[in-house]
Structures are given as structure tokens and as C-alpha cells.
Amino acid sequence: MAELTLDNLMDDGNYLGSERARMENQVILDELERKKKARSMAVPTDDNRVKARLREIGEPITLFGERAADRRDRLIYVLSQINAARGDDAIGADEELTEESDEEEQEEFYSPGSFELLEARRKIAEFSLPRAQKRIAQQRVDSRIPLGRVIDIRKKVFAEVKRFAIMGSQIGDDRPISQVRFSPDSKILAASSWSGSVKLWNVPACTPIRTLVGHTDRVGGVAWHPRATLSQSESAANLVSGAGDMSVHLWSLQSDQPLAIMKGHQDRVCRVAFHPSGDYVASASFDTTWRLWDVATSKELLLQEGHSKEVYAVDFQDDGALVASGGLDAIGRVWDLRTGRTAMVLDGHIQGIFGISFSPNGYQVATGAGDDTIRIWDMRSLKALYTIPAHKSNVSDVRFFRSDLPLPTMTFAPGSQTGAPMDTPAMQATSGAPTSDERPPPKSANAEQEWKYRSGLYLASAGYDGFVRIWSADDWQLLRTLSTDNSKVMSVDFASDAQLLASGTYNRNFQLFSMEDTVL
């Protein structure tokens, strides 16, 4: 009898334990359901309306140190908690509480644009359509390459990429290097710094050329004009930078003072990008907007909202028709510059997006985020193609390789099978023609085909784990891991001649990587 009582007690204990586990699981499921409903809840985006709604439900309209985006998140959380507490009546309560917001969401509205913006949209359309036609024609040619030839090209290119190794490291500034970018001719490296300066370096010699001083706060981003260094006029804008002083600066290569200062942002400017035409500049800012500027007039053409938190990254499609923005709200958006509409929403990351890059194929976008992953998005199917577990810490930058230059001619050292790029005709304008004993071998049709096919075939990523990694862009597999200086890698970039790779780190250094047996 005692044993039976003991068994009953043991059964009771097991029952209580299983019941407790069931209740804990139910709490977790309820919380997940609440978060799911919260994401689809219609809540006003205007800060004044958010404050009014908080006042209506008896919540403080603002908390100490709270920003507008945080306030909106708090409203979503409070409303979702109210709905969860009401149980079956949650849907009706949600409709009652957010009726005004639903009307706001359903009502289509337009922000008035200037005549200058209309003209810019027309010019962008005229510029992008022929480029898109040319790109598609090239893709049709590539699609007819025999499979065996495609496999051979990829094997050869990936074998070269796997030979990348550290060439040297250089102290770039007194504070962390925020971004590094090669010039279009691959001869100059621009390195922006948190010290507020942008420094230009000869590569691969790593000798300083000029320090551009004009910002009063940390420089977050730098970008080259598509035809920079080919025009040496003092009035030619060859470089753009954005900084924590909320300004965007245009620079020539003949002066250490800015050509123009473009102001309008209400918070720190993180990243900047030149439109492929060279006529426009985009800037991403912590004021939750990205803006489009006219290079010729230095005027703001477009203030684009759409992110609920800070906008960190921005990049143009090579055709020039689209621009992609990535925010700390973990959302990316692709915008059609010709119409102003959203072409695609990149929703999948669970942490802020720090890097974004269009593939040269025109329809794929790579995003790197604080969730340590790279996501590849396809604009044709409007979904994510692949998620790469790229780094052990934040993915700070992603860059596709693009062969903007004509096929580089090569010079070979005695007994060597590989060489370094000589000047192409476009580059000879600033560096002179090769001498007779440096005359390169003639270009073959196969070599030209391989060079065109190489563009977009691989991409590089920078991580806060201290590594740069190179990935194939066909199966998204790791090709090469490169160590830097054991510090956070802030940025990465490929030279357009395919011979160099650069990274900038938190330790104030930048590194150059080259192929091990390349003569530079």
C-alpha cells in the first residue's frame, strides 16, 4: 500500500512537471503569435500621430532618450499586448484602435516633386534603357557559350581567386578606416576615416597622394565618379564623401578642399554612391532617409523615406535604373529611379543591413547584415535565393567583382606564366603607353569572352570577425578566406582589373591582397 502511495506521489510529480512544461511552451507560442500579429499591425509612421495614439491609450508620449523609430516600436508592442490580453476580441480591438491608421495605409498618396526631379527621371530613363538593352544582349551571347567552355572559365577564374594572399598592410589614418574604394582605373585607393578625412593612396606602392580635409566629423562613406582620374580638370567632381557632420562633399583630384558641400540631411551620413552616369549622387543617413543629389548643381533632387530606422547602405544598379537601400530596421528596398516606386522589399534579415551590392547581371542583390549572414535576392522571382552564413560577427560590407575596364593586357616576367595588368588605352591618358619591350601579347577572342564572363562571377565580404571572404556567385560557396590584422573589417573592395583586393579595418589600417604569383 505504501508503494502504491509512493507511485501515486511520483506520478503526481511527473504530471505537475509535464504541465509546467506545457504552460511554458504555451507562453512561448503566445509570444510568437503576438509578435507575428504585431508585424502586420497598421501603425502610423508620422511621429506626431504616434504620440497622439500613445496618449489615447494612456502611455507616456516619450521616454528619456527615445527616438521616433523607437517610439513607433513601443506603440506596436503596447497595441499587440492589448490585443493579446483581449483574446478572441483582439481582431475587433485592433481594428478599433488602428482604424485611422488603416485608412492612412490604404490611402495612396504622393509627395510633390520638383521639375528638376522630373527632368532627372527622364534623363535616367534615357541613360538606363540602352545600357539594359546592351546587358541583355550580352547575357544572350553568354547563354550560348557551350557548357564545357563555361565550366573551364569558372575553374580558371576560381583557381586564380583562390591564390589571393596578403600583399601588405599600411597604417591609413589616426582613427578607424570606415571604407576603402578603388578608382575606376585601379591605380588609386581612397580610404575614408573616422578622423574626418579621406586619403588617396597610390597602389600597389601604398604611397600617399593627397589628404582631403573638409568634414568636421567621422567620414562614413566614399565613392568614385565612374570616369574619375581620366579628367584632371580642377572643376571635375571625381569623388564624393559623406560624414557625421550631416553633409555630402564633392571633390576633385587637384585640390584638398571640396568642390561643393551638399547639406540637407538631419543626421549622420553613412554611405554614398555615384550613379553610373556620374550625374547624380545618393546618400544614406541616420535620419531614416536616403537622398538623391544633382552633381552639376549640388542641389537635392529627392528625399526618399520608407525605412522605419536609420538607412545605412545604398548602391546603384549598373544600368542606372534602380537603387537599393538597406536600413538598421533589417529591411532593404529596391527603388525604381524612373518612377519613384518600390520595385522590391528585401525582408528576411533579423538585424540591421550594413552592406548592399547589385550584381553586374542586373537582377541580383547581395545584402550583408548584423545577423552575420549574406542574403542573395533575385528581382525576377522577388525572393531570397540563398542565405550564406558568412562570418562569426557582423557582415559590414559586400562587393561583387565587376570588370569595368576593357580586357587588361599583361606583361610576363621571365619564366612566369602570369603577369600584372598593363595600361589599357583608357588608362594611358594618365600613365603613358607601354614601351616596345613591354608590348603585350595579342588578345584572343576566348580571352575577351572570358573577361566579360568574369564580371559578377564572385563577390567579397568583410566581417567584424577580422576576415575577408570571397564567394562564388554561382553556387555561393566559399572560395578563399583572408586574414587582416585581427580587427573588425569595416570595408572591402575589388580592383576592376581583377588583380587587387583591399580591406579597411578598425585598427586604422588598410590591407592589399594580390594573387601570389602576380608580378606587380
Protein backbone atom coordinates (compact mmCIF):
# COMPACT_ATOMS: atom_id res chain seq x y z
CA MET A 1 0.00 0.00 0.00
CA ALA A 2 2.87 2.31 0.80
CA GLU A 3 4.44 1.54 -2.56
CA LEU A 4 1.20 2.42 -4.29
CA THR A 5 1.05 5.73 -2.45
CA LEU A 6 4.66 6.43 -3.39
CA ASP A 7 3.92 5.61 -7.01
CA ASN A 8 0.95 7.93 -6.92
CA LEU A 9 3.11 10.70 -5.50
CA MET A 10 5.70 10.12 -8.19
CA ASP A 11 3.00 10.19 -10.85
CA ASP A 12 1.68 13.43 -9.42
CA GLY A 13 5.14 14.93 -9.60
CA ASN A 14 5.59 13.88 -13.20
CA TYR A 15 2.19 15.25 -14.05
CA LEU A 16 3.00 18.61 -12.46
CA GLY A 17 6.31 18.73 -14.30
CA SER A 18 4.78 17.99 -17.69
CA GLU A 19 2.01 20.51 -17.02
CA ARG A 20 4.57 23.17 -16.17
CA ALA A 21 6.46 22.44 -19.40
CA ARG A 22 3.22 22.63 -21.37
CA MET A 23 2.39 26.01 -19.84
CA GLU A 24 5.89 27.34 -20.56
CA ASN A 25 5.64 26.19 -24.17
CA GLN A 26 2.24 27.84 -24.47
CA VAL A 27 3.67 31.13 -23.18
CA ILE A 28 6.39 30.97 -25.84
CA LEU A 29 3.85 30.18 -28.57
CA ASP A 30 1.62 33.04 -27.41
CA GLU A 31 4.57 35.43 -27.54
CA LEU A 32 5.48 34.30 -31.07
CA GLU A 33 1.87 34.76 -32.16
CA ARG A 34 1.82 38.24 -30.61
CA LYS A 35 4.99 39.22 -32.48
CA LYS A 36 3.55 37.85 -35.73
CA LYS A 37 0.40 39.95 -35.34
CA ALA A 38 2.49 42.96 -34.34
CA ARG A 39 4.45 42.82 -37.63
CA SER A 40 1.23 43.04 -39.65
CA MET A 41 -0.33 45.75 -37.48
CA ALA A 42 -1.15 49.05 -39.16
CA VAL A 43 0.54 51.82 -37.16
CA PRO A 44 1.07 55.45 -38.25
CA THR A 45 4.58 56.44 -39.34
CA ASP A 46 4.23 60.14 -38.56
CA ASP A 47 5.79 60.83 -35.16
CA ASN A 48 3.08 63.28 -34.07
CA ARG A 49 0.37 60.70 -34.80
CA VAL A 50 2.35 58.06 -32.90
CA LYS A 51 2.48 60.36 -29.86
CA ALA A 52 -1.25 61.05 -30.14
CA ARG A 53 -2.02 57.33 -30.23
CA LEU A 54 0.17 56.67 -27.19
CA ARG A 55 -1.67 59.42 -25.33
CA GLU A 56 -5.02 57.85 -26.27
CA ILE A 57 -4.13 54.50 -24.71
CA GLY A 58 -2.65 56.05 -21.56
CA GLU A 59 1.04 55.57 -22.32
CA PRO A 60 3.82 58.20 -21.96
CA ILE A 61 4.22 60.00 -25.27
CA THR A 62 8.01 59.84 -24.98
CA LEU A 63 10.69 58.25 -22.82
CA PHE A 64 14.11 59.60 -21.97
CA GLY A 65 16.47 59.21 -24.93
CA GLU A 66 13.76 57.67 -27.11
CA ARG A 67 13.90 58.33 -30.85
CA ALA A 68 10.99 58.43 -33.27
CA ALA A 69 11.63 54.91 -34.59
CA ASP A 70 11.87 53.51 -31.04
CA ARG A 71 8.64 55.28 -30.10
CA ARG A 72 6.81 53.66 -33.00
CA ASP A 73 8.17 50.24 -31.99
CA ARG A 74 6.90 50.84 -28.45
CA LEU A 75 3.44 51.70 -29.78
CA ILE A 76 3.39 48.46 -31.80
CA TYR A 77 4.41 46.49 -28.71
CA VAL A 78 1.75 48.10 -26.47
CA LEU A 79 -1.02 47.58 -29.02
CA SER A 80 -0.02 43.95 -29.52
CA GLN A 81 -0.08 43.42 -25.74
CA ILE A 82 -3.58 44.93 -25.54
CA ASN A 83 -4.79 42.67 -28.34
CA ALA A 84 -3.25 39.59 -26.70
CA ALA A 85 -4.94 40.44 -23.38
CA ARG A 86 -8.34 40.73 -25.07
CA GLY A 87 -8.09 37.24 -26.51
CA ASP A 88 -10.86 36.46 -29.01
CA ASP A 89 -11.79 40.12 -29.29
CA ALA A 90 -8.26 41.03 -30.35
CA ILE A 91 -9.12 41.44 -34.02
CA GLY A 92 -12.00 43.75 -33.30
CA ALA A 93 -9.95 45.71 -30.79
CA ASP A 94 -7.09 46.02 -33.25
CA GLU A 95 -9.43 47.33 -35.92
CA GLU A 96 -10.90 49.83 -33.48
CA LEU A 97 -7.55 51.06 -32.22
CA THR A 98 -5.94 51.33 -35.66
CA GLU A 99 -8.89 52.36 -37.80
CA GLU A 100 -7.33 55.70 -38.56
CA SER A 101 -4.01 54.06 -39.36
CA ASP A 102 -5.74 51.57 -41.69
CA GLU A 103 -7.24 54.47 -43.62
CA GLU A 104 -3.83 56.08 -43.78
CA GLU A 105 -2.28 52.81 -45.02
CA GLN A 106 -4.92 52.26 -47.70
CA GLU A 107 -4.94 55.81 -48.96
CA GLU A 108 -2.45 56.27 -51.79
CA PHE A 109 -0.54 59.50 -51.51
CA TYR A 110 2.17 61.28 -53.45
CA SER A 111 4.86 63.68 -52.35
CA PRO A 112 5.13 66.63 -54.73
CA GLY A 113 8.34 66.56 -56.77
CA SER A 114 10.25 69.36 -58.40
CA PHE A 115 10.65 69.98 -62.11
CA GLU A 116 14.35 69.17 -61.66
CA LEU A 117 13.42 65.72 -60.33
CA LEU A 118 11.14 65.11 -63.31
CA GLU A 119 13.94 66.00 -65.70
CA ALA A 120 16.35 63.78 -63.76
CA ARG A 121 13.95 60.83 -64.02
CA ARG A 122 13.71 61.34 -67.79
CA LYS A 123 17.49 61.52 -68.15
CA ILE A 124 17.94 58.40 -66.02
CA ALA A 125 15.44 56.54 -68.22
CA GLU A 126 17.24 57.66 -71.39
CA PHE A 127 20.56 56.61 -69.88
CA SER A 128 19.48 53.25 -68.43
CA LEU A 129 17.38 51.77 -71.25
CA PRO A 130 20.23 51.44 -73.81
CA ARG A 131 22.51 50.02 -71.09
CA ALA A 132 19.89 47.45 -70.11
CA GLN A 133 19.46 46.51 -73.76
CA LYS A 134 23.22 46.04 -74.14
CA ARG A 135 23.43 43.99 -70.93
CA ILE A 136 20.61 41.68 -72.00
CA ALA A 137 22.20 41.24 -75.43
CA GLN A 138 25.48 40.25 -73.76
CA GLN A 139 23.64 37.79 -71.49
CA ARG A 140 22.07 36.18 -74.56
CA VAL A 141 25.53 35.78 -76.07
CA ASP A 142 26.80 34.28 -72.81
CA SER A 143 23.87 31.85 -72.71
CA ARG A 144 25.08 30.33 -75.99
CA ILE A 145 28.54 29.52 -74.63
CA PRO A 146 28.94 25.71 -74.55
CA LEU A 147 28.64 24.20 -71.09
CA GLY A 148 32.14 22.76 -71.29
CA ARG A 149 33.57 26.20 -72.04
CA VAL A 150 31.60 27.73 -69.12
CA ILE A 151 32.98 25.10 -66.74
CA ASP A 152 36.52 25.75 -67.96
CA ILE A 153 36.17 29.51 -67.50
CA ARG A 154 34.82 29.13 -63.98
CA LYS A 155 37.51 26.68 -62.98
CA LYS A 156 40.21 29.01 -64.27
CA VAL A 157 38.74 32.14 -62.65
CA PHE A 158 38.14 30.45 -59.31
CA ALA A 159 41.63 28.97 -59.33
CA GLU A 160 43.01 32.50 -59.73
CA VAL A 161 40.79 33.86 -56.95
CA LYS A 162 41.98 31.14 -54.58
CA ARG A 163 45.55 32.46 -55.00
CA PHE A 164 44.73 35.80 -53.34
CA ALA A 165 47.09 36.41 -50.41
CA ILE A 166 48.14 39.32 -48.24
CA MET A 167 50.47 41.68 -50.05
CA GLY A 168 50.93 44.26 -47.31
CA SER A 169 49.28 46.37 -44.62
CA GLN A 170 49.51 50.13 -44.26
CA ILE A 171 48.54 52.48 -41.44
CA GLY A 172 45.90 54.59 -43.14
CA ASP A 173 44.93 57.16 -40.51
CA ASP A 174 44.77 58.03 -36.82
CA ARG A 175 41.28 56.57 -36.44
CA PRO A 176 39.41 53.55 -37.89
CA ILE A 177 39.17 53.24 -41.68
CA SER A 178 35.45 53.30 -42.46
CA GLN A 179 35.55 52.50 -46.18
CA VAL A 180 38.02 51.72 -48.98
CA ARG A 181 37.28 52.09 -52.68
CA PHE A 182 39.47 51.64 -55.77
CA SER A 183 39.40 54.24 -58.52
CA PRO A 184 37.97 53.12 -61.89
CA ASP A 185 41.47 52.62 -63.31
CA SER A 186 42.55 50.58 -60.23
CA LYS A 187 45.55 52.86 -59.60
CA ILE A 188 44.31 54.86 -56.62
CA LEU A 189 42.74 53.72 -53.36
CA ALA A 190 40.51 56.13 -51.45
CA ALA A 191 40.29 55.44 -47.70
CA SER A 192 37.79 57.35 -45.58
CA SER A 193 38.34 57.63 -41.86
CA TRP A 194 36.57 58.46 -38.62
CA SER A 195 39.08 61.29 -38.25
CA GLY A 196 37.03 63.24 -40.81
CA SER A 197 39.45 62.92 -43.72
CA VAL A 198 39.72 60.98 -46.96
CA LYS A 199 43.19 59.88 -48.03
CA LEU A 200 44.24 58.90 -51.55
CA TRP A 201 46.96 56.27 -51.99
CA ASN A 202 48.91 55.01 -54.99
CA VAL A 203 48.51 51.26 -55.33
CA PRO A 204 50.19 48.88 -55.10
CA ALA A 205 53.05 51.09 -53.84
CA CYS A 206 50.86 52.46 -51.00
CA THR A 207 52.40 55.92 -51.20
CA PRO A 208 50.17 58.84 -50.15
CA ILE A 209 48.89 61.19 -52.86
CA ARG A 210 46.64 63.67 -51.06
CA THR A 211 44.54 64.10 -47.93
CA LEU A 212 41.09 65.57 -48.48
CA VAL A 213 40.10 67.65 -45.46
CA GLY A 214 36.71 69.30 -45.14
CA HIS A 215 34.45 67.23 -42.92
CA THR A 216 34.21 68.02 -39.21
CA ASP A 217 33.08 64.56 -38.12
CA ARG A 218 33.72 60.91 -38.98
CA VAL A 219 33.52 60.10 -42.70
CA GLY A 220 31.25 57.10 -43.21
CA GLY A 221 31.43 56.55 -46.95
CA VAL A 222 33.32 57.42 -50.10
CA ALA A 223 32.64 56.70 -53.78
CA TRP A 224 34.39 57.39 -57.10
CA HIS A 225 32.93 59.04 -60.17
CA PRO A 226 32.59 56.34 -62.88
CA ARG A 227 35.11 58.20 -65.04
CA ALA A 228 37.34 59.56 -62.29
CA THR A 229 41.04 60.26 -62.93
CA LEU A 230 40.51 60.39 -66.70
CA SER A 231 39.60 64.08 -66.47
CA GLN A 232 42.04 66.14 -64.47
CA SER A 233 40.14 69.43 -64.57
CA GLU A 234 40.03 71.31 -61.27
CA SER A 235 36.26 71.68 -61.64
CA ALA A 236 35.61 67.97 -62.31
CA ALA A 237 33.93 66.06 -59.49
CA ASN A 238 35.88 62.81 -59.15
CA LEU A 239 34.97 61.72 -55.64
CA VAL A 240 32.11 62.03 -53.14
CA SER A 241 32.09 61.52 -49.37
CA GLY A 242 29.50 61.62 -46.60
CA ALA A 243 30.12 62.16 -42.90
CA GLY A 244 28.74 62.56 -39.42
CA ASP A 245 28.55 66.32 -39.90
CA MET A 246 25.38 65.60 -41.97
CA SER A 247 26.97 66.84 -45.19
CA VAL A 248 27.98 65.34 -48.54
CA HIS A 249 31.16 66.67 -50.19
CA LEU A 250 32.23 66.57 -53.83
CA TRP A 251 35.98 66.51 -54.54
CA SER A 252 38.32 66.94 -57.49
CA LEU A 253 41.75 65.29 -57.54
CA GLN A 254 43.55 68.61 -57.88
CA SER A 255 42.66 70.15 -54.51
CA ASP A 256 42.36 69.07 -50.89
CA GLN A 257 39.28 71.30 -50.44
CA PRO A 258 35.77 70.25 -51.55
CA LEU A 259 34.29 71.48 -54.81
CA ALA A 260 30.81 71.58 -53.29
CA ILE A 261 29.12 70.86 -49.96
CA MET A 262 25.60 69.43 -50.13
CA LYS A 263 23.53 69.81 -46.97
CA GLY A 264 20.04 68.63 -46.13
CA HIS A 265 20.34 65.51 -44.00
CA GLN A 266 19.27 65.83 -40.38
CA ASP A 267 21.65 63.20 -39.02
CA ARG A 268 24.87 61.34 -39.76
CA VAL A 269 25.53 60.34 -43.39
CA CYS A 270 26.73 56.71 -43.57
CA ARG A 271 27.27 55.65 -47.18
CA VAL A 272 27.32 57.40 -50.55
CA ALA A 273 27.22 56.18 -54.16
CA PHE A 274 27.72 57.69 -57.62
CA HIS A 275 25.11 56.99 -60.28
CA PRO A 276 26.66 55.15 -63.28
CA SER A 277 26.06 58.25 -65.41
CA GLY A 278 28.14 60.32 -62.99
CA ASP A 279 25.41 63.00 -62.88
CA TYR A 280 23.85 62.06 -59.55
CA VAL A 281 24.85 61.00 -56.06
CA ALA A 282 22.87 59.03 -53.47
CA SER A 283 23.48 59.32 -49.73
CA ALA A 284 22.14 57.17 -46.87
CA SER A 285 21.62 58.71 -43.46
CA PHE A 286 20.66 58.07 -39.85
CA ASP A 287 17.71 60.45 -40.37
CA THR A 288 15.86 57.38 -41.83
CA THR A 289 16.07 58.69 -45.41
CA TRP A 290 18.26 58.43 -48.45
CA ARG A 291 18.62 61.38 -50.81
CA LEU A 292 19.48 61.94 -54.46
CA TRP A 293 21.67 64.92 -55.40
CA ASP A 294 22.45 66.62 -58.70
CA VAL A 295 26.22 66.76 -59.17
CA ALA A 296 26.14 69.72 -61.58
CA THR A 297 24.02 72.00 -59.36
CA SER A 298 24.75 70.40 -55.94
CA LYS A 299 21.01 70.50 -55.22
CA GLU A 300 18.86 67.89 -53.55
CA LEU A 301 16.53 66.27 -56.09
CA LEU A 302 14.83 63.62 -53.95
CA LEU A 303 14.26 62.93 -50.26
CA GLN A 304 13.14 59.31 -50.05
CA GLU A 305 11.50 57.90 -46.94
CA GLY A 306 10.44 54.28 -46.47
CA HIS A 307 12.62 52.92 -43.66
CA SER A 308 11.49 52.92 -40.03
CA LYS A 309 15.05 53.22 -38.72
CA GLU A 310 18.42 54.53 -39.87
CA VAL A 311 19.39 53.98 -43.51
CA TYR A 312 22.97 52.68 -43.60
CA ALA A 313 23.76 51.39 -47.11
CA VAL A 314 22.96 52.46 -50.67
CA ASP A 315 24.03 51.17 -54.10
CA PHE A 316 23.07 51.75 -57.75
CA GLN A 317 22.37 49.09 -60.33
CA ASP A 318 24.88 49.20 -63.21
CA ASP A 319 22.14 50.10 -65.70
CA GLY A 320 21.31 53.14 -63.58
CA ALA A 321 17.57 52.45 -63.42
CA LEU A 322 17.46 51.11 -59.85
CA VAL A 323 18.90 51.96 -56.48
CA ALA A 324 18.91 49.76 -53.38
CA SER A 325 18.90 50.97 -49.79
CA GLY A 326 19.50 49.00 -46.59
CA GLY A 327 18.49 50.09 -43.12
CA LEU A 328 19.04 49.23 -39.49
CA ASP A 329 15.39 48.13 -39.46
CA ALA A 330 16.72 44.93 -41.15
CA ILE A 331 14.82 45.83 -44.32
CA GLY A 332 16.23 46.56 -47.76
CA ARG A 333 14.34 48.24 -50.56
CA VAL A 334 14.95 48.43 -54.29
CA TRP A 335 13.66 51.65 -55.85
CA ASP A 336 12.93 52.46 -59.48
CA LEU A 337 14.50 55.85 -60.11
CA ARG A 338 12.42 56.39 -63.24
CA THR A 339 9.07 56.20 -61.41
CA GLY A 340 9.90 56.57 -57.73
CA ARG A 341 8.15 53.31 -56.86
CA THR A 342 9.45 50.44 -54.75
CA ALA A 343 10.46 47.58 -57.05
CA MET A 344 11.18 45.04 -54.30
CA VAL A 345 11.28 44.78 -50.50
CA LEU A 346 14.23 42.77 -49.12
CA ASP A 347 12.67 41.39 -45.94
CA GLY A 348 14.47 38.49 -44.29
CA HIS A 349 17.38 39.67 -42.14
CA ILE A 350 16.84 39.81 -38.39
CA GLN A 351 19.46 42.51 -37.76
CA GLY A 352 20.37 45.78 -39.47
CA ILE A 353 21.76 45.79 -43.02
CA PHE A 354 25.29 47.25 -43.25
CA GLY A 355 26.27 46.41 -46.83
CA ILE A 356 24.41 46.16 -50.12
CA SER A 357 25.64 45.47 -53.65
CA PHE A 358 24.00 44.95 -57.04
CA SER A 359 25.34 42.12 -59.16
CA PRO A 360 26.54 43.13 -62.65
CA ASN A 361 23.87 40.77 -64.05
CA GLY A 362 21.32 43.47 -63.09
CA TYR A 363 18.77 41.30 -61.30
CA GLN A 364 20.53 40.02 -58.18
CA VAL A 365 21.28 41.96 -54.98
CA ALA A 366 23.53 40.93 -52.09
CA THR A 367 22.96 42.25 -48.57
CA GLY A 368 25.21 41.83 -45.53
CA ALA A 369 23.80 42.33 -42.05
CA GLY A 370 24.33 42.23 -38.32
CA ASP A 371 22.91 38.69 -38.20
CA ASP A 372 26.28 37.51 -39.63
CA THR A 373 24.75 36.43 -42.95
CA ILE A 374 24.71 37.46 -46.59
CA ARG A 375 21.43 37.12 -48.42
CA ILE A 376 21.18 36.91 -52.19
CA TRP A 377 17.96 38.33 -53.63
CA ASP A 378 16.52 37.74 -57.10
CA MET A 379 14.42 40.56 -58.51
CA ARG A 380 12.86 38.27 -61.12
CA SER A 381 11.24 35.98 -58.54
CA LEU A 382 11.01 38.70 -55.83
CA LYS A 383 12.50 36.48 -53.15
CA ALA A 384 15.75 35.49 -51.46
CA LEU A 385 17.71 32.89 -53.44
CA TYR A 386 20.28 31.92 -50.85
CA THR A 387 21.46 32.72 -47.32
CA ILE A 388 25.22 32.50 -46.73
CA PRO A 389 26.38 32.04 -43.11
CA ALA A 390 29.29 34.29 -43.94
CA HIS A 391 31.01 35.45 -40.75
CA LYS A 392 31.05 34.94 -36.99
CA SER A 393 30.19 38.59 -36.43
CA ASN A 394 28.60 41.49 -38.32
CA VAL A 395 28.91 41.48 -42.12
CA SER A 396 29.99 45.08 -42.66
CA ASP A 397 30.38 45.19 -46.46
CA VAL A 398 29.71 43.12 -49.61
CA ARG A 399 31.07 43.77 -53.10
CA PHE A 400 30.63 41.93 -56.40
CA PHE A 401 33.61 41.93 -58.75
CA ARG A 402 32.85 43.98 -61.86
CA SER A 403 35.17 44.26 -64.85
CA ASP A 404 34.58 47.90 -65.70
CA LEU A 405 37.77 48.13 -67.75
CA PRO A 406 38.46 46.58 -71.14
CA LEU A 407 40.44 43.35 -71.03
CA PRO A 408 43.74 44.21 -69.26
CA THR A 409 46.83 43.48 -71.29
CA MET A 410 49.51 41.57 -69.38
CA THR A 411 53.28 41.66 -69.08
CA PHE A 412 55.13 38.49 -68.13
CA ALA A 413 58.23 38.20 -66.04
CA PRO A 414 60.88 35.77 -67.33
CA GLY A 415 59.81 32.23 -66.54
CA SER A 416 56.43 33.36 -65.20
CA GLN A 417 53.07 32.31 -66.55
CA THR A 418 51.10 35.19 -65.10
CA GLY A 419 51.56 38.90 -65.10
CA ALA A 420 50.25 42.23 -63.98
CA PRO A 421 47.87 44.39 -65.98
CA MET A 422 49.43 46.95 -68.22
CA ASP A 423 47.70 50.20 -69.07
CA THR A 424 44.64 49.92 -71.25
CA PRO A 425 44.03 52.70 -73.82
CA ALA A 426 41.65 54.42 -71.40
CA MET A 427 44.35 54.39 -68.71
CA GLN A 428 47.18 55.57 -70.95
CA ALA A 429 45.75 59.08 -70.80
CA THR A 430 47.31 59.50 -67.38
CA SER A 431 50.17 56.99 -67.30
CA GLY A 432 51.64 56.78 -70.81
CA ALA A 433 51.82 53.91 -73.27
CA PRO A 434 53.88 50.77 -72.68
CA THR A 435 57.35 50.66 -74.21
CA SER A 436 58.18 48.38 -77.12
CA ASP A 437 59.78 45.70 -74.93
CA GLU A 438 56.63 45.65 -72.73
CA ARG A 439 54.34 45.09 -75.69
CA PRO A 440 51.63 42.64 -74.55
CA PRO A 441 50.56 39.51 -76.36
CA PRO A 442 47.58 39.95 -78.67
CA LYS A 443 44.15 39.50 -77.17
CA SER A 444 42.30 36.41 -78.28
CA ALA A 445 38.55 36.10 -78.74
CA ASN A 446 38.48 33.49 -75.97
CA ALA A 447 40.31 35.81 -73.58
CA GLU A 448 37.85 38.63 -74.33
CA GLN A 449 34.93 36.29 -73.79
CA GLU A 450 36.39 35.06 -70.51
CA TRP A 451 36.97 38.62 -69.27
CA LYS A 452 33.38 39.66 -69.94
CA TYR A 453 32.05 36.50 -68.33
CA ARG A 454 34.20 37.07 -65.22
CA SER A 455 32.21 40.17 -64.19
CA GLY A 456 29.89 39.25 -61.33
CA LEU A 457 31.26 35.72 -61.05
CA TYR A 458 32.38 36.20 -57.43
CA LEU A 459 31.91 38.58 -54.50
CA ALA A 460 33.80 39.56 -51.35
CA SER A 461 32.52 40.17 -47.83
CA ALA A 462 34.02 41.92 -44.81
CA GLY A 463 33.26 40.83 -41.26
CA TYR A 464 33.77 42.05 -37.73
CA ASP A 465 35.40 38.66 -37.06
CA GLY A 466 38.55 40.02 -38.72
CA PHE A 467 38.29 38.16 -42.03
CA VAL A 468 37.65 38.93 -45.67
CA ARG A 469 35.97 36.10 -47.55
CA ILE A 470 35.48 35.54 -51.29
CA TRP A 471 32.45 33.61 -52.53
CA SER A 472 31.48 32.16 -55.88
CA ALA A 473 28.37 33.76 -57.36
CA ASP A 474 27.01 30.61 -58.99
CA ASP A 475 26.72 28.21 -56.05
CA TRP A 476 27.60 30.74 -53.27
CA GLN A 477 30.39 28.55 -51.89
CA LEU A 478 33.46 29.84 -50.07
CA LEU A 479 36.49 30.27 -52.32
CA ARG A 480 39.02 32.00 -50.08
CA THR A 481 39.37 33.29 -46.50
CA LEU A 482 41.85 36.13 -45.95
CA SER A 483 43.14 37.31 -42.56
CA THR A 484 43.63 41.02 -41.94
CA ASP A 485 45.02 42.44 -38.66
CA ASN A 486 42.72 40.60 -36.22
CA SER A 487 40.47 43.65 -36.06
CA LYS A 488 36.97 44.41 -37.27
CA VAL A 489 36.98 44.66 -41.05
CA MET A 490 34.93 47.73 -41.95
CA SER A 491 35.03 47.57 -45.74
CA VAL A 492 36.24 45.61 -48.77
CA ASP A 493 36.62 46.31 -52.49
CA PHE A 494 37.89 44.70 -55.69
CA ALA A 495 40.06 46.50 -58.22
CA SER A 496 38.38 46.43 -61.62
CA ASP A 497 41.46 44.84 -63.22
CA ALA A 498 40.91 41.73 -61.02
CA GLN A 499 44.48 41.89 -59.64
CA LEU A 500 43.97 43.54 -56.23
CA LEU A 501 41.62 43.38 -53.26
CA ALA A 502 41.59 45.93 -50.44
CA SER A 503 40.16 45.98 -46.93
CA GLY A 504 39.94 48.66 -44.26
CA THR A 505 39.89 47.85 -40.55
CA TYR A 506 39.02 49.30 -37.18
CA ASN A 507 42.73 49.21 -36.27
CA ARG A 508 43.35 52.21 -38.61
CA ASN A 509 44.95 50.02 -41.29
CA PHE A 510 44.13 49.00 -44.79
CA GLN A 511 45.38 45.82 -46.43
CA LEU A 512 46.13 44.95 -50.04
CA PHE A 513 45.75 41.39 -51.33
CA SER A 514 47.06 40.15 -54.65
CA MET A 515 47.49 36.85 -56.43
CA GLU A 516 50.54 35.08 -55.05
CA ASP A 517 52.45 34.71 -58.32
CA THR A 518 51.38 38.01 -59.90
CA VAL A 519 54.15 40.45 -60.82
CA LEU A 520 53.13 43.92 -59.63
